[in-house]
Amino acid sequence: GDQIHVAPYLGTYYYAIKTDKAPWDNVELRNAISEAIDRDFLAEKVWGNSMFPGYSMVPPGIEGYKSATAKFADKSQIDREDEAKAVLEKLGYTPEKPLKMEIRYNTSENHKNTAVAIQEQLKPLGIEVTLLNTDTKTHYAHLEQKGDYDVARAGWIADYKDPETFLGISRKASGNNYSDYNSPKFEELMDKAAAAGGTPAERSKILSEAEKVLVDDLGNMPLLYYSYHNLVSPKL
């Protein structure tokens, strides 16, 4: 009952996507795939409401910061799927001529179930998903060594309570930039935020602009936000 408390935790569950490899270097394709994924289903059915649907790289909970969310975040799932389907058809992908996509994930029943759910969600749109599971050490070693892949499961928990910790992993020089994302505009805004004088609000505004570039480009594919889940006695 009301003894269960679930609250946002500063962590983002996302899929890295190889932005420098065809066909994933097509921003329209990346966004269509992201739009088609039903995050509410993942949060409720796969994760048993222990996660929240995610549409930004920076999760909620950082005071004074407004996250930049995906353009489709406020649309119904049916509208999202229709839009995604139209883009995929325009790019030549249909159930008769499917796009092949491999999702890599590290060993975990929940990671597997997430990938399987996405596999099922994308199939009717003409995306044929295969799954590749490895242990955590092998999985991240492959990503850090810039190995070949299509889409790969990843997550980031805040090192400190600031948007930069979630955005910095997508910088060109970051060892955690598994997607090989490279945007001069994003780099320029991140540099500008780092050098910003003035008020914290001005810096936050610049970081939000940088996040908008990242989210619109789909440098990474945010799916879920982690959460605290505690059982608290009403006596406390």
C-alpha atoms as a PDB file:
ATOM      1  CA  GLY A   1       0.000   0.000   0.000  1.00  0.00           C
ATOM      2  CA  ASP A   2       1.142   3.518   0.799  1.00  0.00           C
ATOM      3  CA  GLN A   3       4.242   2.183   2.551  1.00  0.00           C
ATOM      4  CA  ILE A   4       5.841   1.708  -0.877  1.00  0.00           C
ATOM      5  CA  HIS A   5       7.747   4.783  -2.042  1.00  0.00           C
ATOM      6  CA  VAL A   6       9.106   5.024  -5.593  1.00  0.00           C
ATOM      7  CA  ALA A   7      10.992   8.184  -6.522  1.00  0.00           C
ATOM      8  CA  PRO A   8      13.338   9.264  -9.345  1.00  0.00           C
ATOM      9  CA  TYR A   9      16.993   8.336  -8.969  1.00  0.00           C
ATOM     10  CA  LEU A  10      19.745  10.135 -10.862  1.00  0.00           C
ATOM     11  CA  GLY A  11      20.335   7.450 -13.452  1.00  0.00           C
ATOM     12  CA  THR A  12      19.444   6.904 -17.117  1.00  0.00           C
ATOM     13  CA  TYR A  13      19.014   3.537 -18.840  1.00  0.00           C
ATOM     14  CA  TYR A  14      19.767   4.016 -22.525  1.00  0.00           C
ATOM     15  CA  TYR A  15      20.797   2.355 -25.739  1.00  0.00           C
ATOM     16  CA  ALA A  16      23.990   3.481 -27.426  1.00  0.00           C
ATOM     17  CA  ILE A  17      23.632   3.491 -31.206  1.00  0.00           C
ATOM     18  CA  LYS A  18      26.569   3.468 -33.643  1.00  0.00           C
ATOM     19  CA  THR A  19      26.162   6.935 -35.129  1.00  0.00           C
ATOM     20  CA  ASP A  20      29.186   6.654 -37.456  1.00  0.00           C
ATOM     21  CA  LYS A  21      28.093   3.419 -39.148  1.00  0.00           C
ATOM     22  CA  ALA A  22      25.546   3.061 -41.964  1.00  0.00           C
ATOM     23  CA  PRO A  23      22.589   2.958 -41.777  1.00  0.00           C
ATOM     24  CA  TRP A  24      22.663   4.213 -38.164  1.00  0.00           C
ATOM     25  CA  ASP A  25      24.397   7.400 -39.282  1.00  0.00           C
ATOM     26  CA  ASN A  26      20.993   8.519 -40.603  1.00  0.00           C
ATOM     27  CA  VAL A  27      19.447  10.758 -37.925  1.00  0.00           C
ATOM     28  CA  GLU A  28      15.942  10.225 -39.326  1.00  0.00           C
ATOM     29  CA  LEU A  29      16.314   6.467 -38.969  1.00  0.00           C
ATOM     30  CA  ARG A  30      17.655   6.732 -35.415  1.00  0.00           C
ATOM     31  CA  ASN A  31      14.772   8.963 -34.370  1.00  0.00           C
ATOM     32  CA  ALA A  32      12.162   6.726 -36.024  1.00  0.00           C
ATOM     33  CA  ILE A  33      13.430   3.687 -34.120  1.00  0.00           C
ATOM     34  CA  SER A  34      13.441   5.616 -30.857  1.00  0.00           C
ATOM     35  CA  GLU A  35       9.945   6.982 -31.453  1.00  0.00           C
ATOM     36  CA  ALA A  36       8.528   3.510 -32.109  1.00  0.00           C
ATOM     37  CA  ILE A  37       9.662   2.107 -28.745  1.00  0.00           C
ATOM     38  CA  ASP A  38       6.909   2.004 -26.118  1.00  0.00           C
ATOM     39  CA  ARG A  39       8.675   3.197 -22.976  1.00  0.00           C
ATOM     40  CA  ASP A  40       5.522   3.041 -20.851  1.00  0.00           C
ATOM     41  CA  PHE A  41       5.313  -0.700 -21.580  1.00  0.00           C
ATOM     42  CA  LEU A  42       8.974  -1.163 -20.671  1.00  0.00           C
ATOM     43  CA  ALA A  43       8.589   0.710 -17.383  1.00  0.00           C
ATOM     44  CA  GLU A  44       5.309  -0.907 -16.344  1.00  0.00           C
ATOM     45  CA  LYS A  45       5.435  -4.447 -17.719  1.00  0.00           C
ATOM     46  CA  VAL A  46       9.118  -5.289 -18.037  1.00  0.00           C
ATOM     47  CA  TRP A  47      10.401  -3.415 -14.992  1.00  0.00           C
ATOM     48  CA  GLY A  48       7.271  -3.687 -12.834  1.00  0.00           C
ATOM     49  CA  ASN A  49       7.007   0.081 -12.306  1.00  0.00           C
ATOM     50  CA  SER A  50      10.472   0.177 -10.737  1.00  0.00           C
ATOM     51  CA  MET A  51      11.636   2.467 -13.576  1.00  0.00           C
ATOM     52  CA  PHE A  52      10.187   5.567 -15.223  1.00  0.00           C
ATOM     53  CA  PRO A  53       9.791   6.178 -19.005  1.00  0.00           C
ATOM     54  CA  GLY A  54      12.748   8.263 -20.206  1.00  0.00           C
ATOM     55  CA  TYR A  55      12.844  10.838 -22.991  1.00  0.00           C
ATOM     56  CA  SER A  56      15.981  12.800 -22.095  1.00  0.00           C
ATOM     57  CA  MET A  57      19.558  11.932 -21.196  1.00  0.00           C
ATOM     58  CA  VAL A  58      19.407  14.013 -18.018  1.00  0.00           C
ATOM     59  CA  PRO A  59      16.826  12.512 -15.629  1.00  0.00           C
ATOM     60  CA  PRO A  60      14.515  14.653 -13.495  1.00  0.00           C
ATOM     61  CA  GLY A  61      15.663  15.657 -10.028  1.00  0.00           C
ATOM     62  CA  ILE A  62      18.399  18.231 -10.622  1.00  0.00           C
ATOM     63  CA  GLU A  63      17.208  21.513  -9.137  1.00  0.00           C
ATOM     64  CA  GLY A  64      17.162  24.461 -11.529  1.00  0.00           C
ATOM     65  CA  TYR A  65      17.656  22.337 -14.667  1.00  0.00           C
ATOM     66  CA  LYS A  66      15.053  21.737 -17.358  1.00  0.00           C
ATOM     67  CA  SER A  67      15.769  18.594 -19.366  1.00  0.00           C
ATOM     68  CA  ALA A  68      15.395  18.692 -23.160  1.00  0.00           C
ATOM     69  CA  THR A  69      13.072  15.854 -24.119  1.00  0.00           C
ATOM     70  CA  ALA A  70      12.408  14.041 -27.399  1.00  0.00           C
ATOM     71  CA  LYS A  71       9.995  15.879 -29.730  1.00  0.00           C
ATOM     72  CA  PHE A  72       7.534  12.984 -29.605  1.00  0.00           C
ATOM     73  CA  ALA A  73       7.437  12.690 -25.799  1.00  0.00           C
ATOM     74  CA  ASP A  74       3.934  14.170 -25.449  1.00  0.00           C
ATOM     75  CA  LYS A  75       2.375  12.207 -28.319  1.00  0.00           C
ATOM     76  CA  SER A  76       0.325   9.038 -27.951  1.00  0.00           C
ATOM     77  CA  GLN A  77       2.046   5.735 -28.650  1.00  0.00           C
ATOM     78  CA  ILE A  78      -0.232   5.141 -31.658  1.00  0.00           C
ATOM     79  CA  ASP A  79       0.772   8.482 -33.209  1.00  0.00           C
ATOM     80  CA  ARG A  80       4.422   7.769 -32.528  1.00  0.00           C
ATOM     81  CA  GLU A  81       4.219   4.385 -34.248  1.00  0.00           C
ATOM     82  CA  ASP A  82       2.423   5.883 -37.263  1.00  0.00           C
ATOM     83  CA  GLU A  83       5.087   8.581 -37.624  1.00  0.00           C
ATOM     84  CA  ALA A  84       7.914   6.072 -37.219  1.00  0.00           C
ATOM     85  CA  LYS A  85       6.352   3.728 -39.760  1.00  0.00           C
ATOM     86  CA  ALA A  86       6.038   6.546 -42.320  1.00  0.00           C
ATOM     87  CA  VAL A  87       9.717   7.467 -41.931  1.00  0.00           C
ATOM     88  CA  LEU A  88      10.860   3.858 -42.177  1.00  0.00           C
ATOM     89  CA  GLU A  89       8.762   3.295 -45.313  1.00  0.00           C
ATOM     90  CA  LYS A  90      10.232   6.448 -46.838  1.00  0.00           C
ATOM     91  CA  LEU A  91      13.697   5.042 -46.148  1.00  0.00           C
ATOM     92  CA  GLY A  92      12.693   1.748 -47.799  1.00  0.00           C
ATOM     93  CA  TYR A  93      12.131  -0.451 -44.744  1.00  0.00           C
ATOM     94  CA  THR A  94       8.953  -2.559 -44.483  1.00  0.00           C
ATOM     95  CA  PRO A  95       8.069  -6.012 -43.091  1.00  0.00           C
ATOM     96  CA  GLU A  96       8.685  -7.307 -46.642  1.00  0.00           C
ATOM     97  CA  LYS A  97      12.062  -5.502 -46.847  1.00  0.00           C
ATOM     98  CA  PRO A  98      13.191  -5.430 -43.219  1.00  0.00           C
ATOM     99  CA  LEU A  99      16.059  -3.533 -41.664  1.00  0.00           C
ATOM    100  CA  LYS A 100      18.328  -5.876 -39.694  1.00  0.00           C
ATOM    101  CA  MET A 101      19.366  -4.573 -36.270  1.00  0.00           C
ATOM    102  CA  GLU A 102      21.352  -6.293 -33.525  1.00  0.00           C
ATOM    103  CA  ILE A 103      20.905  -5.334 -29.875  1.00  0.00           C
ATOM    104  CA  ARG A 104      23.813  -6.188 -27.584  1.00  0.00           C
ATOM    105  CA  TYR A 105      23.179  -6.388 -23.854  1.00  0.00           C
ATOM    106  CA  ASN A 106      25.016  -7.524 -20.744  1.00  0.00           C
ATOM    107  CA  THR A 107      23.727 -10.491 -18.770  1.00  0.00           C
ATOM    108  CA  SER A 108      20.600  -9.677 -16.774  1.00  0.00           C
ATOM    109  CA  GLU A 109      17.051 -10.996 -16.987  1.00  0.00           C
ATOM    110  CA  ASN A 110      15.691  -7.439 -17.106  1.00  0.00           C
ATOM    111  CA  HIS A 111      18.103  -6.376 -19.861  1.00  0.00           C
ATOM    112  CA  LYS A 112      17.090  -9.455 -21.837  1.00  0.00           C
ATOM    113  CA  ASN A 113      13.373  -8.806 -21.307  1.00  0.00           C
ATOM    114  CA  THR A 114      13.819  -5.156 -22.328  1.00  0.00           C
ATOM    115  CA  ALA A 115      15.557  -6.183 -25.555  1.00  0.00           C
ATOM    116  CA  VAL A 116      12.930  -8.847 -26.312  1.00  0.00           C
ATOM    117  CA  ALA A 117      10.099  -6.339 -25.762  1.00  0.00           C
ATOM    118  CA  ILE A 118      11.771  -3.864 -28.139  1.00  0.00           C
ATOM    119  CA  GLN A 119      12.322  -6.677 -30.641  1.00  0.00           C
ATOM    120  CA  GLU A 120       8.575  -7.360 -30.635  1.00  0.00           C
ATOM    121  CA  GLN A 121       7.642  -3.666 -30.807  1.00  0.00           C
ATOM    122  CA  LEU A 122       9.841  -2.983 -33.840  1.00  0.00           C
ATOM    123  CA  LYS A 123       9.004  -6.127 -35.839  1.00  0.00           C
ATOM    124  CA  PRO A 124       5.658  -4.867 -37.300  1.00  0.00           C
ATOM    125  CA  LEU A 125       7.462  -1.730 -38.557  1.00  0.00           C
ATOM    126  CA  GLY A 126       9.934  -3.673 -40.674  1.00  0.00           C
ATOM    127  CA  ILE A 127      12.862  -3.951 -38.272  1.00  0.00           C
ATOM    128  CA  GLU A 128      14.248  -7.442 -37.751  1.00  0.00           C
ATOM    129  CA  VAL A 129      16.002  -7.448 -34.391  1.00  0.00           C
ATOM    130  CA  THR A 130      18.496 -10.076 -33.242  1.00  0.00           C
ATOM    131  CA  LEU A 131      19.908 -10.212 -29.717  1.00  0.00           C
ATOM    132  CA  LEU A 132      23.476 -10.752 -28.530  1.00  0.00           C
ATOM    133  CA  ASN A 133      24.197 -11.349 -24.856  1.00  0.00           C
ATOM    134  CA  THR A 134      27.630 -11.258 -23.192  1.00  0.00           C
ATOM    135  CA  ASP A 135      28.796 -10.907 -19.595  1.00  0.00           C
ATOM    136  CA  THR A 136      29.152  -7.354 -18.278  1.00  0.00           C
ATOM    137  CA  LYS A 137      32.956  -7.228 -18.501  1.00  0.00           C
ATOM    138  CA  THR A 138      32.972  -8.416 -22.138  1.00  0.00           C
ATOM    139  CA  HIS A 139      30.062  -6.139 -23.042  1.00  0.00           C
ATOM    140  CA  TYR A 140      31.623  -2.914 -21.814  1.00  0.00           C
ATOM    141  CA  ALA A 141      35.107  -3.854 -23.008  1.00  0.00           C
ATOM    142  CA  HIS A 142      33.666  -4.177 -26.526  1.00  0.00           C
ATOM    143  CA  LEU A 143      32.047  -0.743 -26.293  1.00  0.00           C
ATOM    144  CA  GLU A 144      35.068   0.970 -24.745  1.00  0.00           C
ATOM    145  CA  GLN A 145      37.362  -0.493 -27.406  1.00  0.00           C
ATOM    146  CA  LYS A 146      35.063   0.919 -30.123  1.00  0.00           C
ATOM    147  CA  GLY A 147      34.086  -2.520 -31.372  1.00  0.00           C
ATOM    148  CA  ASP A 148      31.590  -2.972 -34.171  1.00  0.00           C
ATOM    149  CA  TYR A 149      27.912  -3.122 -33.190  1.00  0.00           C
ATOM    150  CA  ASP A 150      24.497  -1.652 -34.073  1.00  0.00           C
ATOM    151  CA  VAL A 151      22.721  -0.900 -30.791  1.00  0.00           C
ATOM    152  CA  ALA A 152      23.936  -1.668 -27.272  1.00  0.00           C
ATOM    153  CA  ARG A 153      22.455  -1.429 -23.806  1.00  0.00           C
ATOM    154  CA  ALA A 154      24.122   1.023 -21.400  1.00  0.00           C
ATOM    155  CA  GLY A 155      23.323   3.015 -18.302  1.00  0.00           C
ATOM    156  CA  TRP A 156      24.695   6.024 -16.466  1.00  0.00           C
ATOM    157  CA  ILE A 157      24.359   6.899 -12.795  1.00  0.00           C
ATOM    158  CA  ALA A 158      25.303  10.443 -11.769  1.00  0.00           C
ATOM    159  CA  ASP A 159      28.829  10.883 -10.431  1.00  0.00           C
ATOM    160  CA  TYR A 160      27.670  14.221  -9.039  1.00  0.00           C
ATOM    161  CA  LYS A 161      24.387  16.134  -9.032  1.00  0.00           C
ATOM    162  CA  ASP A 162      24.837  18.104 -12.243  1.00  0.00           C
ATOM    163  CA  PRO A 163      23.541  17.756 -15.841  1.00  0.00           C
ATOM    164  CA  GLU A 164      27.104  17.700 -17.157  1.00  0.00           C
ATOM    165  CA  THR A 165      27.700  14.181 -15.841  1.00  0.00           C
ATOM    166  CA  PHE A 166      24.987  12.864 -18.190  1.00  0.00           C
ATOM    167  CA  LEU A 167      25.942  15.048 -21.150  1.00  0.00           C
ATOM    168  CA  GLY A 168      29.716  14.724 -20.889  1.00  0.00           C
ATOM    169  CA  ILE A 169      29.589  11.008 -21.809  1.00  0.00           C
ATOM    170  CA  SER A 170      28.527  12.033 -25.333  1.00  0.00           C
ATOM    171  CA  ARG A 171      31.451  14.360 -25.945  1.00  0.00           C
ATOM    172  CA  LYS A 172      33.739  13.408 -28.812  1.00  0.00           C
ATOM    173  CA  ALA A 173      36.758  12.769 -26.556  1.00  0.00           C
ATOM    174  CA  SER A 174      34.909  10.860 -23.827  1.00  0.00           C
ATOM    175  CA  GLY A 175      35.855   7.224 -23.280  1.00  0.00           C
ATOM    176  CA  ASN A 176      32.179   6.641 -22.465  1.00  0.00           C
ATOM    177  CA  ASN A 177      31.026   7.926 -25.863  1.00  0.00           C
ATOM    178  CA  TYR A 178      30.104   4.432 -27.048  1.00  0.00           C
ATOM    179  CA  SER A 179      27.950   5.810 -29.878  1.00  0.00           C
ATOM    180  CA  ASP A 180      30.911   7.686 -31.400  1.00  0.00           C
ATOM    181  CA  TYR A 181      28.648  10.738 -31.442  1.00  0.00           C
ATOM    182  CA  ASN A 182      30.383  13.768 -32.908  1.00  0.00           C
ATOM    183  CA  SER A 183      28.525  17.066 -33.167  1.00  0.00           C
ATOM    184  CA  PRO A 184      30.413  20.385 -33.488  1.00  0.00           C
ATOM    185  CA  LYS A 185      27.305  22.241 -32.250  1.00  0.00           C
ATOM    186  CA  PHE A 186      27.050  20.033 -29.160  1.00  0.00           C
ATOM    187  CA  GLU A 187      30.784  20.432 -28.466  1.00  0.00           C
ATOM    188  CA  GLU A 188      30.517  24.212 -28.862  1.00  0.00           C
ATOM    189  CA  LEU A 189      27.647  24.457 -26.371  1.00  0.00           C
ATOM    190  CA  MET A 190      29.360  22.161 -23.857  1.00  0.00           C
ATOM    191  CA  ASP A 191      32.524  24.310 -24.079  1.00  0.00           C
ATOM    192  CA  LYS A 192      30.406  27.436 -23.669  1.00  0.00           C
ATOM    193  CA  ALA A 193      28.723  25.993 -20.559  1.00  0.00           C
ATOM    194  CA  ALA A 194      32.097  25.017 -19.076  1.00  0.00           C
ATOM    195  CA  ALA A 195      33.405  28.550 -19.559  1.00  0.00           C
ATOM    196  CA  ALA A 196      30.181  30.274 -18.507  1.00  0.00           C
ATOM    197  CA  GLY A 197      30.431  33.013 -15.934  1.00  0.00           C
ATOM    198  CA  GLY A 198      27.334  34.630 -14.523  1.00  0.00           C
ATOM    199  CA  THR A 199      24.656  32.705 -12.674  1.00  0.00           C
ATOM    200  CA  PRO A 200      24.122  28.931 -12.377  1.00  0.00           C
ATOM    201  CA  ALA A 201      20.821  29.511 -14.215  1.00  0.00           C
ATOM    202  CA  GLU A 202      22.690  30.797 -17.287  1.00  0.00           C
ATOM    203  CA  ARG A 203      24.952  27.733 -17.282  1.00  0.00           C
ATOM    204  CA  SER A 204      21.942  25.418 -16.905  1.00  0.00           C
ATOM    205  CA  LYS A 205      20.258  27.090 -19.878  1.00  0.00           C
ATOM    206  CA  ILE A 206      23.305  26.453 -22.081  1.00  0.00           C
ATOM    207  CA  LEU A 207      23.503  22.826 -20.929  1.00  0.00           C
ATOM    208  CA  SER A 208      19.811  22.389 -21.750  1.00  0.00           C
ATOM    209  CA  GLU A 209      20.492  23.748 -25.258  1.00  0.00           C
ATOM    210  CA  ALA A 210      23.332  21.236 -25.599  1.00  0.00           C
ATOM    211  CA  GLU A 211      21.036  18.425 -24.472  1.00  0.00           C
ATOM    212  CA  LYS A 212      18.456  19.477 -27.063  1.00  0.00           C
ATOM    213  CA  VAL A 213      21.079  19.052 -29.802  1.00  0.00           C
ATOM    214  CA  LEU A 214      22.006  15.619 -28.413  1.00  0.00           C
ATOM    215  CA  VAL A 215      18.375  14.466 -28.065  1.00  0.00           C
ATOM    216  CA  ASP A 216      17.348  15.756 -31.516  1.00  0.00           C
ATOM    217  CA  ASP A 217      20.378  14.031 -33.062  1.00  0.00           C
ATOM    218  CA  LEU A 218      19.701  10.920 -30.982  1.00  0.00           C
ATOM    219  CA  GLY A 219      23.374  10.670 -30.063  1.00  0.00           C
ATOM    220  CA  ASN A 220      22.132   8.140 -27.517  1.00  0.00           C
ATOM    221  CA  MET A 221      18.660   6.632 -27.083  1.00  0.00           C
ATOM    222  CA  PRO A 222      17.278   7.289 -23.582  1.00  0.00           C
ATOM    223  CA  LEU A 223      14.695   4.686 -22.572  1.00  0.00           C
ATOM    224  CA  LEU A 224      14.166   4.736 -18.818  1.00  0.00           C
ATOM    225  CA  TYR A 225      15.086   6.539 -15.606  1.00  0.00           C
ATOM    226  CA  TYR A 226      16.212   4.557 -12.600  1.00  0.00           C
ATOM    227  CA  SER A 227      14.326   4.978  -9.327  1.00  0.00           C
ATOM    228  CA  TYR A 228      14.561   4.547  -5.612  1.00  0.00           C
ATOM    229  CA  HIS A 229      12.128   1.937  -4.333  1.00  0.00           C
ATOM    230  CA  ASN A 230      11.781   1.808  -0.581  1.00  0.00           C
ATOM    231  CA  LEU A 231       9.408   0.392   1.974  1.00  0.00           C
ATOM    232  CA  VAL A 232       8.822   3.050   4.642  1.00  0.00           C
ATOM    233  CA  SER A 233       6.865   2.569   7.858  1.00  0.00           C
ATOM    234  CA  PRO A 234       4.133   5.193   8.417  1.00  0.00           C
ATOM    235  CA  LYS A 235       5.578   5.589  11.923  1.00  0.00           C
ATOM    236  CA  LEU A 236       8.585   7.381  10.417  1.00  0.00           C
END
